[in-house]
Amino acid sequence: MFGRLGWAEILIIVVLLVILFGSAKIPGMMRNLANGINVFKKEMKKDTDKKEPVNTIAKPVKKSKPVAKKSGAKKPARLIKKK
């Protein structure tokens, strides 16, 4: 449906951008876009550098002993409302 853009379509898009945003704001928007792309690339590189090898062998889980209930524990006293 959307084929390749030719030079005429690109020229129309550029003219519309200049009309909508003005020629002063477009360089700032492109600078911000470039900075965002650079930060993304740096973070992706850091992520691949810090990858640790995946341990496929599962370690056994230690089971804790069940806690025994104290037989002499007192139950909380209930409040009795007087009428």
PDB file of N, CA and C in Angstrom:
ATOM      1  N   MET A   1       0.829  -1.184   0.000  1.00  0.00           N
ATOM      2  CA  MET A   1       0.000   0.000   0.000  1.00  0.00           C
ATOM      3  C   MET A   1       0.877   1.253   0.000  1.00  0.00           C
ATOM      4  N   PHE A   2       1.807   1.318   0.947  1.00  0.00           N
ATOM      5  CA  PHE A   2       2.711   2.457   0.991  1.00  0.00           C
ATOM      6  C   PHE A   2       3.999   2.058   0.297  1.00  0.00           C
ATOM      7  N   GLY A   3       4.186   2.547  -0.896  1.00  0.00           N
ATOM      8  CA  GLY A   3       5.393   2.219  -1.644  1.00  0.00           C
ATOM      9  C   GLY A   3       6.550   3.089  -1.194  1.00  0.00           C
ATOM     10  N   ARG A   4       7.596   3.020  -1.932  1.00  0.00           N
ATOM     11  CA  ARG A   4       8.757   3.856  -1.612  1.00  0.00           C
ATOM     12  C   ARG A   4       8.432   5.317  -1.879  1.00  0.00           C
ATOM     13  N   LEU A   5       9.011   6.177  -1.060  1.00  0.00           N
ATOM     14  CA  LEU A   5       8.779   7.606  -1.236  1.00  0.00           C
ATOM     15  C   LEU A   5       9.740   8.143  -2.294  1.00  0.00           C
ATOM     16  N   GLY A   6       9.201   8.880  -3.201  1.00  0.00           N
ATOM     17  CA  GLY A   6      10.030   9.512  -4.227  1.00  0.00           C
ATOM     18  C   GLY A   6      10.483  10.887  -3.771  1.00  0.00           C
ATOM     19  N   TRP A   7      11.224  11.570  -4.643  1.00  0.00           N
ATOM     20  CA  TRP A   7      11.749  12.885  -4.260  1.00  0.00           C
ATOM     21  C   TRP A   7      10.630  13.895  -4.120  1.00  0.00           C
ATOM     22  N   ALA A   8       9.556  13.777  -4.907  1.00  0.00           N
ATOM     23  CA  ALA A   8       8.446  14.726  -4.827  1.00  0.00           C
ATOM     24  C   ALA A   8       7.709  14.583  -3.490  1.00  0.00           C
ATOM     25  N   GLU A   9       7.485  13.353  -3.043  1.00  0.00           N
ATOM     26  CA  GLU A   9       6.797  13.140  -1.768  1.00  0.00           C
ATOM     27  C   GLU A   9       7.625  13.648  -0.600  1.00  0.00           C
ATOM     28  N   ILE A  10       8.922  13.404  -0.654  1.00  0.00           N
ATOM     29  CA  ILE A  10       9.810  13.884   0.412  1.00  0.00           C
ATOM     30  C   ILE A  10       9.822  15.403   0.445  1.00  0.00           C
ATOM     31  N   LEU A  11       9.838  16.045  -0.716  1.00  0.00           N
ATOM     32  CA  LEU A  11       9.819  17.508  -0.789  1.00  0.00           C
ATOM     33  C   LEU A  11       8.527  18.051  -0.199  1.00  0.00           C
ATOM     34  N   ILE A  12       7.401  17.414  -0.482  1.00  0.00           N
ATOM     35  CA  ILE A  12       6.119  17.857   0.085  1.00  0.00           C
ATOM     36  C   ILE A  12       6.124  17.715   1.599  1.00  0.00           C
ATOM     37  N   ILE A  13       6.659  16.622   2.118  1.00  0.00           N
ATOM     38  CA  ILE A  13       6.727  16.410   3.574  1.00  0.00           C
ATOM     39  C   ILE A  13       7.598  17.469   4.229  1.00  0.00           C
ATOM     40  N   VAL A  14       8.748  17.788   3.626  1.00  0.00           N
ATOM     41  CA  VAL A  14       9.654  18.810   4.181  1.00  0.00           C
ATOM     42  C   VAL A  14       8.977  20.173   4.192  1.00  0.00           C
ATOM     43  N   VAL A  15       8.279  20.523   3.119  1.00  0.00           N
ATOM     44  CA  VAL A  15       7.589  21.816   3.056  1.00  0.00           C
ATOM     45  C   VAL A  15       6.504  21.897   4.118  1.00  0.00           C
ATOM     46  N   LEU A  16       5.761  20.815   4.296  1.00  0.00           N
ATOM     47  CA  LEU A  16       4.730  20.812   5.331  1.00  0.00           C
ATOM     48  C   LEU A  16       5.335  20.951   6.730  1.00  0.00           C
ATOM     49  N   LEU A  17       6.466  20.301   6.983  1.00  0.00           N
ATOM     50  CA  LEU A  17       7.128  20.425   8.288  1.00  0.00           C
ATOM     51  C   LEU A  17       7.586  21.852   8.537  1.00  0.00           C
ATOM     52  N   VAL A  18       8.122  22.497   7.519  1.00  0.00           N
ATOM     53  CA  VAL A  18       8.574  23.891   7.671  1.00  0.00           C
ATOM     54  C   VAL A  18       7.385  24.799   7.927  1.00  0.00           C
ATOM     55  N   ILE A  19       6.285  24.550   7.264  1.00  0.00           N
ATOM     56  CA  ILE A  19       5.096  25.377   7.476  1.00  0.00           C
ATOM     57  C   ILE A  19       4.537  25.165   8.881  1.00  0.00           C
ATOM     58  N   LEU A  20       4.469  23.911   9.325  1.00  0.00           N
ATOM     59  CA  LEU A  20       3.883  23.620  10.636  1.00  0.00           C
ATOM     60  C   LEU A  20       4.758  24.076  11.800  1.00  0.00           C
ATOM     61  N   PHE A  21       6.040  23.772  11.741  1.00  0.00           N
ATOM     62  CA  PHE A  21       6.906  24.018  12.899  1.00  0.00           C
ATOM     63  C   PHE A  21       7.783  25.252  12.755  1.00  0.00           C
ATOM     64  N   GLY A  22       7.953  25.762  11.587  1.00  0.00           N
ATOM     65  CA  GLY A  22       8.838  26.896  11.391  1.00  0.00           C
ATOM     66  C   GLY A  22      10.276  26.413  11.251  1.00  0.00           C
ATOM     67  N   SER A  23      11.063  27.199  10.539  1.00  0.00           N
ATOM     68  CA  SER A  23      12.441  26.774  10.252  1.00  0.00           C
ATOM     69  C   SER A  23      13.344  26.838  11.479  1.00  0.00           C
ATOM     70  N   ALA A  24      12.939  27.550  12.527  1.00  0.00           N
ATOM     71  CA  ALA A  24      13.791  27.692  13.711  1.00  0.00           C
ATOM     72  C   ALA A  24      13.714  26.460  14.614  1.00  0.00           C
ATOM     73  N   LYS A  25      12.569  25.789  14.674  1.00  0.00           N
ATOM     74  CA  LYS A  25      12.395  24.665  15.599  1.00  0.00           C
ATOM     75  C   LYS A  25      12.886  23.340  15.032  1.00  0.00           C
ATOM     76  N   ILE A  26      12.952  23.214  13.718  1.00  0.00           N
ATOM     77  CA  ILE A  26      13.302  21.928  13.105  1.00  0.00           C
ATOM     78  C   ILE A  26      14.717  21.470  13.468  1.00  0.00           C
ATOM     79  N   PRO A  27      15.754  22.344  13.440  1.00  0.00           N
ATOM     80  CA  PRO A  27      17.094  21.861  13.843  1.00  0.00           C
ATOM     81  C   PRO A  27      17.131  21.383  15.294  1.00  0.00           C
ATOM     82  N   GLY A  28      16.408  22.045  16.170  1.00  0.00           N
ATOM     83  CA  GLY A  28      16.360  21.618  17.566  1.00  0.00           C
ATOM     84  C   GLY A  28      15.692  20.259  17.727  1.00  0.00           C
ATOM     85  N   MET A  29      14.635  20.028  16.956  1.00  0.00           N
ATOM     86  CA  MET A  29      13.951  18.733  17.015  1.00  0.00           C
ATOM     87  C   MET A  29      14.863  17.626  16.493  1.00  0.00           C
ATOM     88  N   MET A  30      15.593  17.894  15.425  1.00  0.00           N
ATOM     89  CA  MET A  30      16.499  16.883  14.867  1.00  0.00           C
ATOM     90  C   MET A  30      17.662  16.611  15.826  1.00  0.00           C
ATOM     91  N   ARG A  31      18.130  17.648  16.520  1.00  0.00           N
ATOM     92  CA  ARG A  31      19.219  17.484  17.491  1.00  0.00           C
ATOM     93  C   ARG A  31      18.754  16.607  18.648  1.00  0.00           C
ATOM     94  N   ASN A  32      17.540  16.852  19.119  1.00  0.00           N
ATOM     95  CA  ASN A  32      16.989  16.033  20.205  1.00  0.00           C
ATOM     96  C   ASN A  32      16.797  14.587  19.764  1.00  0.00           C
ATOM     97  N   LEU A  33      16.357  14.396  18.528  1.00  0.00           N
ATOM     98  CA  LEU A  33      16.183  13.048  18.005  1.00  0.00           C
ATOM     99  C   LEU A  33      17.526  12.323  17.914  1.00  0.00           C
ATOM    100  N   ALA A  34      18.548  13.022  17.436  1.00  0.00           N
ATOM    101  CA  ALA A  34      19.883  12.418  17.325  1.00  0.00           C
ATOM    102  C   ALA A  34      20.443  12.074  18.705  1.00  0.00           C
ATOM    103  N   ASN A  35      20.244  12.954  19.689  1.00  0.00           N
ATOM    104  CA  ASN A  35      20.716  12.672  21.048  1.00  0.00           C
ATOM    105  C   ASN A  35      20.013  11.451  21.626  1.00  0.00           C
ATOM    106  N   GLY A  36      18.721  11.340  21.383  1.00  0.00           N
ATOM    107  CA  GLY A  36      17.980  10.177  21.869  1.00  0.00           C
ATOM    108  C   GLY A  36      18.474   8.886  21.245  1.00  0.00           C
ATOM    109  N   ILE A  37      18.763   8.912  19.952  1.00  0.00           N
ATOM    110  CA  ILE A  37      19.279   7.722  19.273  1.00  0.00           C
ATOM    111  C   ILE A  37      20.657   7.350  19.827  1.00  0.00           C
ATOM    112  N   ASN A  38      21.510   8.349  20.068  1.00  0.00           N
ATOM    113  CA  ASN A  38      22.849   8.079  20.608  1.00  0.00           C
ATOM    114  C   ASN A  38      22.778   7.484  22.009  1.00  0.00           C
ATOM    115  N   VAL A  39      21.910   8.011  22.847  1.00  0.00           N
ATOM    116  CA  VAL A  39      21.751   7.462  24.201  1.00  0.00           C
ATOM    117  C   VAL A  39      21.252   6.025  24.128  1.00  0.00           C
ATOM    118  N   PHE A  40      20.316   5.765  23.232  1.00  0.00           N
ATOM    119  CA  PHE A  40      19.789   4.409  23.068  1.00  0.00           C
ATOM    120  C   PHE A  40      20.896   3.449  22.648  1.00  0.00           C
ATOM    121  N   LYS A  41      21.739   3.859  21.716  1.00  0.00           N
ATOM    122  CA  LYS A  41      22.840   3.008  21.256  1.00  0.00           C
ATOM    123  C   LYS A  41      23.829   2.731  22.391  1.00  0.00           C
ATOM    124  N   LYS A  42      24.148   3.768  23.194  1.00  0.00           N
ATOM    125  CA  LYS A  42      25.080   3.583  24.312  1.00  0.00           C
ATOM    126  C   LYS A  42      24.521   2.603  25.335  1.00  0.00           C
ATOM    127  N   GLU A  43      23.230   2.728  25.654  1.00  0.00           N
ATOM    128  CA  GLU A  43      22.621   1.831  26.628  1.00  0.00           C
ATOM    129  C   GLU A  43      22.561   0.402  26.109  1.00  0.00           C
ATOM    130  N   MET A  44      22.303   0.240  24.829  1.00  0.00           N
ATOM    131  CA  MET A  44      22.291  -1.105  24.250  1.00  0.00           C
ATOM    132  C   MET A  44      23.682  -1.721  24.304  1.00  0.00           C
ATOM    133  N   LYS A  45      24.711  -0.911  24.075  1.00  0.00           N
ATOM    134  CA  LYS A  45      26.076  -1.418  24.131  1.00  0.00           C
ATOM    135  C   LYS A  45      26.449  -1.804  25.559  1.00  0.00           C
ATOM    136  N   LYS A  46      26.058  -0.993  26.535  1.00  0.00           N
ATOM    137  CA  LYS A  46      26.325  -1.318  27.938  1.00  0.00           C
ATOM    138  C   LYS A  46      25.625  -2.608  28.324  1.00  0.00           C
ATOM    139  N   ASP A  47      24.398  -2.777  27.851  1.00  0.00           N
ATOM    140  CA  ASP A  47      23.615  -3.969  28.178  1.00  0.00           C
ATOM    141  C   ASP A  47      24.287  -5.222  27.635  1.00  0.00           C
ATOM    142  N   THR A  48      24.821  -5.179  26.427  1.00  0.00           N
ATOM    143  CA  THR A  48      25.457  -6.364  25.855  1.00  0.00           C
ATOM    144  C   THR A  48      26.813  -6.618  26.496  1.00  0.00           C
ATOM    145  N   ASP A  49      27.489  -5.569  26.977  1.00  0.00           N
ATOM    146  CA  ASP A  49      28.790  -5.751  27.636  1.00  0.00           C
ATOM    147  C   ASP A  49      28.640  -6.405  29.002  1.00  0.00           C
ATOM    148  N   LYS A  50      27.551  -6.134  29.704  1.00  0.00           N
ATOM    149  CA  LYS A  50      27.376  -6.612  31.075  1.00  0.00           C
ATOM    150  C   LYS A  50      26.634  -7.937  31.165  1.00  0.00           C
ATOM    151  N   LYS A  51      26.323  -8.549  30.041  1.00  0.00           N
ATOM    152  CA  LYS A  51      25.582  -9.810  30.099  1.00  0.00           C
ATOM    153  C   LYS A  51      26.415 -10.884  30.773  1.00  0.00           C
ATOM    154  N   GLU A  52      25.776 -11.585  31.685  1.00  0.00           N
ATOM    155  CA  GLU A  52      26.431 -12.681  32.386  1.00  0.00           C
ATOM    156  C   GLU A  52      25.994 -13.990  31.748  1.00  0.00           C
ATOM    157  N   PRO A  53      26.838 -15.012  31.833  1.00  0.00           N
ATOM    158  CA  PRO A  53      26.419 -16.288  31.267  1.00  0.00           C
ATOM    159  C   PRO A  53      25.216 -16.840  32.030  1.00  0.00           C
ATOM    160  N   VAL A  54      24.333 -17.450  31.296  1.00  0.00           N
ATOM    161  CA  VAL A  54      23.113 -17.983  31.886  1.00  0.00           C
ATOM    162  C   VAL A  54      23.412 -19.346  32.493  1.00  0.00           C
ATOM    163  N   ASN A  55      23.024 -19.516  33.764  1.00  0.00           N
ATOM    164  CA  ASN A  55      23.222 -20.782  34.450  1.00  0.00           C
ATOM    165  C   ASN A  55      21.993 -21.646  34.195  1.00  0.00           C
ATOM    166  N   THR A  56      22.172 -22.730  33.445  1.00  0.00           N
ATOM    167  CA  THR A  56      21.031 -23.568  33.106  1.00  0.00           C
ATOM    168  C   THR A  56      20.777 -24.651  34.143  1.00  0.00           C
ATOM    169  N   ILE A  57      21.704 -24.855  35.060  1.00  0.00           N
ATOM    170  CA  ILE A  57      21.534 -25.868  36.094  1.00  0.00           C
ATOM    171  C   ILE A  57      20.853 -25.221  37.292  1.00  0.00           C
ATOM    172  N   ALA A  58      19.719 -25.771  37.683  1.00  0.00           N
ATOM    173  CA  ALA A  58      18.977 -25.216  38.804  1.00  0.00           C
ATOM    174  C   ALA A  58      19.575 -25.703  40.113  1.00  0.00           C
ATOM    175  N   LYS A  59      19.712 -24.795  41.053  1.00  0.00           N
ATOM    176  CA  LYS A  59      20.222 -25.160  42.377  1.00  0.00           C
ATOM    177  C   LYS A  59      19.058 -25.671  43.217  1.00  0.00           C
ATOM    178  N   PRO A  60      19.305 -26.680  44.054  1.00  0.00           N
ATOM    179  CA  PRO A  60      18.215 -27.174  44.906  1.00  0.00           C
ATOM    180  C   PRO A  60      17.828 -26.125  45.945  1.00  0.00           C
ATOM    181  N   VAL A  61      16.547 -26.052  46.192  1.00  0.00           N
ATOM    182  CA  VAL A  61      16.028 -25.090  47.150  1.00  0.00           C
ATOM    183  C   VAL A  61      15.983 -25.738  48.518  1.00  0.00           C
ATOM    184  N   LYS A  62      16.547 -25.045  49.515  1.00  0.00           N
ATOM    185  CA  LYS A  62      16.520 -25.567  50.882  1.00  0.00           C
ATOM    186  C   LYS A  62      15.158 -25.289  51.483  1.00  0.00           C
ATOM    187  N   LYS A  63      14.566 -26.336  52.040  1.00  0.00           N
ATOM    188  CA  LYS A  63      13.269 -26.164  52.673  1.00  0.00           C
ATOM    189  C   LYS A  63      13.482 -25.834  54.137  1.00  0.00           C
ATOM    190  N   SER A  64      12.726 -24.869  54.608  1.00  0.00           N
ATOM    191  CA  SER A  64      12.847 -24.501  56.013  1.00  0.00           C
ATOM    192  C   SER A  64      11.948 -25.416  56.844  1.00  0.00           C
ATOM    193  N   LYS A  65      12.326 -25.572  58.100  1.00  0.00           N
ATOM    194  CA  LYS A  65      11.555 -26.413  59.006  1.00  0.00           C
ATOM    195  C   LYS A  65      10.274 -25.687  59.395  1.00  0.00           C
ATOM    196  N   PRO A  66       9.165 -26.408  59.523  1.00  0.00           N
ATOM    197  CA  PRO A  66       7.928 -25.747  59.935  1.00  0.00           C
ATOM    198  C   PRO A  66       8.042 -25.257  61.374  1.00  0.00           C
ATOM    199  N   VAL A  67       7.451 -24.132  61.628  1.00  0.00           N
ATOM    200  CA  VAL A  67       7.491 -23.532  62.957  1.00  0.00           C
ATOM    201  C   VAL A  67       6.399 -24.172  63.800  1.00  0.00           C
ATOM    202  N   ALA A  68       6.807 -24.685  64.981  1.00  0.00           N
ATOM    203  CA  ALA A  68       5.840 -25.325  65.881  1.00  0.00           C
ATOM    204  C   ALA A  68       5.087 -24.253  66.645  1.00  0.00           C
ATOM    205  N   LYS A  69       3.776 -24.478  66.789  1.00  0.00           N
ATOM    206  CA  LYS A  69       2.968 -23.531  67.531  1.00  0.00           C
ATOM    207  C   LYS A  69       3.151 -23.770  69.017  1.00  0.00           C
ATOM    208  N   LYS A  70       3.171 -22.696  69.755  1.00  0.00           N
ATOM    209  CA  LYS A  70       3.281 -22.813  71.206  1.00  0.00           C
ATOM    210  C   LYS A  70       1.918 -23.182  71.764  1.00  0.00           C
ATOM    211  N   SER A  71       1.920 -24.199  72.597  1.00  0.00           N
ATOM    212  CA  SER A  71       0.645 -24.666  73.146  1.00  0.00           C
ATOM    213  C   SER A  71       0.129 -23.734  74.236  1.00  0.00           C
ATOM    214  N   GLY A  72       0.987 -22.988  74.884  1.00  0.00           N
ATOM    215  CA  GLY A  72       0.579 -22.133  75.992  1.00  0.00           C
ATOM    216  C   GLY A  72       0.253 -20.717  75.565  1.00  0.00           C
ATOM    217  N   ALA A  73       0.129 -20.486  74.282  1.00  0.00           N
ATOM    218  CA  ALA A  73      -0.150 -19.134  73.826  1.00  0.00           C
ATOM    219  C   ALA A  73      -1.568 -18.740  74.181  1.00  0.00           C
ATOM    220  N   LYS A  74      -1.726 -17.513  74.654  1.00  0.00           N
ATOM    221  CA  LYS A  74      -3.048 -17.026  75.030  1.00  0.00           C
ATOM    222  C   LYS A  74      -3.747 -16.440  73.815  1.00  0.00           C
ATOM    223  N   LYS A  75      -5.042 -16.662  73.773  1.00  0.00           N
ATOM    224  CA  LYS A  75      -5.840 -16.048  72.728  1.00  0.00           C
ATOM    225  C   LYS A  75      -6.165 -14.636  73.165  1.00  0.00           C
ATOM    226  N   PRO A  76      -6.302 -13.718  72.219  1.00  0.00           N
ATOM    227  CA  PRO A  76      -6.619 -12.348  72.614  1.00  0.00           C
ATOM    228  C   PRO A  76      -8.011 -12.265  73.229  1.00  0.00           C
ATOM    229  N   ALA A  77      -8.130 -11.462  74.258  1.00  0.00           N
ATOM    230  CA  ALA A  77      -9.419 -11.311  74.956  1.00  0.00           C
ATOM    231  C   ALA A  77     -10.362 -10.516  74.074  1.00  0.00           C
ATOM    232  N   ARG A  78     -11.614 -10.948  74.060  1.00  0.00           N
ATOM    233  CA  ARG A  78     -12.631 -10.237  73.290  1.00  0.00           C
ATOM    234  C   ARG A  78     -13.266  -9.185  74.165  1.00  0.00           C
ATOM    235  N   LEU A  79     -13.572  -8.084  73.517  1.00  0.00           N
ATOM    236  CA  LEU A  79     -14.246  -7.019  74.255  1.00  0.00           C
ATOM    237  C   LEU A  79     -15.753  -7.288  74.265  1.00  0.00           C
ATOM    238  N   ILE A  80     -16.332  -7.154  75.437  1.00  0.00           N
ATOM    239  CA  ILE A  80     -17.768  -7.362  75.567  1.00  0.00           C
ATOM    240  C   ILE A  80     -18.424  -6.014  75.712  1.00  0.00           C
ATOM    241  N   LYS A  81     -19.371  -5.755  74.837  1.00  0.00           N
ATOM    242  CA  LYS A  81     -20.070  -4.471  74.901  1.00  0.00           C
ATOM    243  C   LYS A  81     -21.226  -4.603  75.898  1.00  0.00           C
ATOM    244  N   LYS A  82     -21.328  -3.635  76.773  1.00  0.00           N
ATOM    245  CA  LYS A  82     -22.436  -3.601  77.733  1.00  0.00           C
ATOM    246  C   LYS A  82     -23.523  -2.702  77.195  1.00  0.00           C
ATOM    247  N   LYS A  83     -24.750  -3.177  77.344  1.00  0.00           N
ATOM    248  CA  LYS A  83     -25.884  -2.388  76.892  1.00  0.00           C
ATOM    249  C   LYS A  83     -26.456  -1.547  77.976  1.00  0.00           C
TER     250      LYS A  83
END
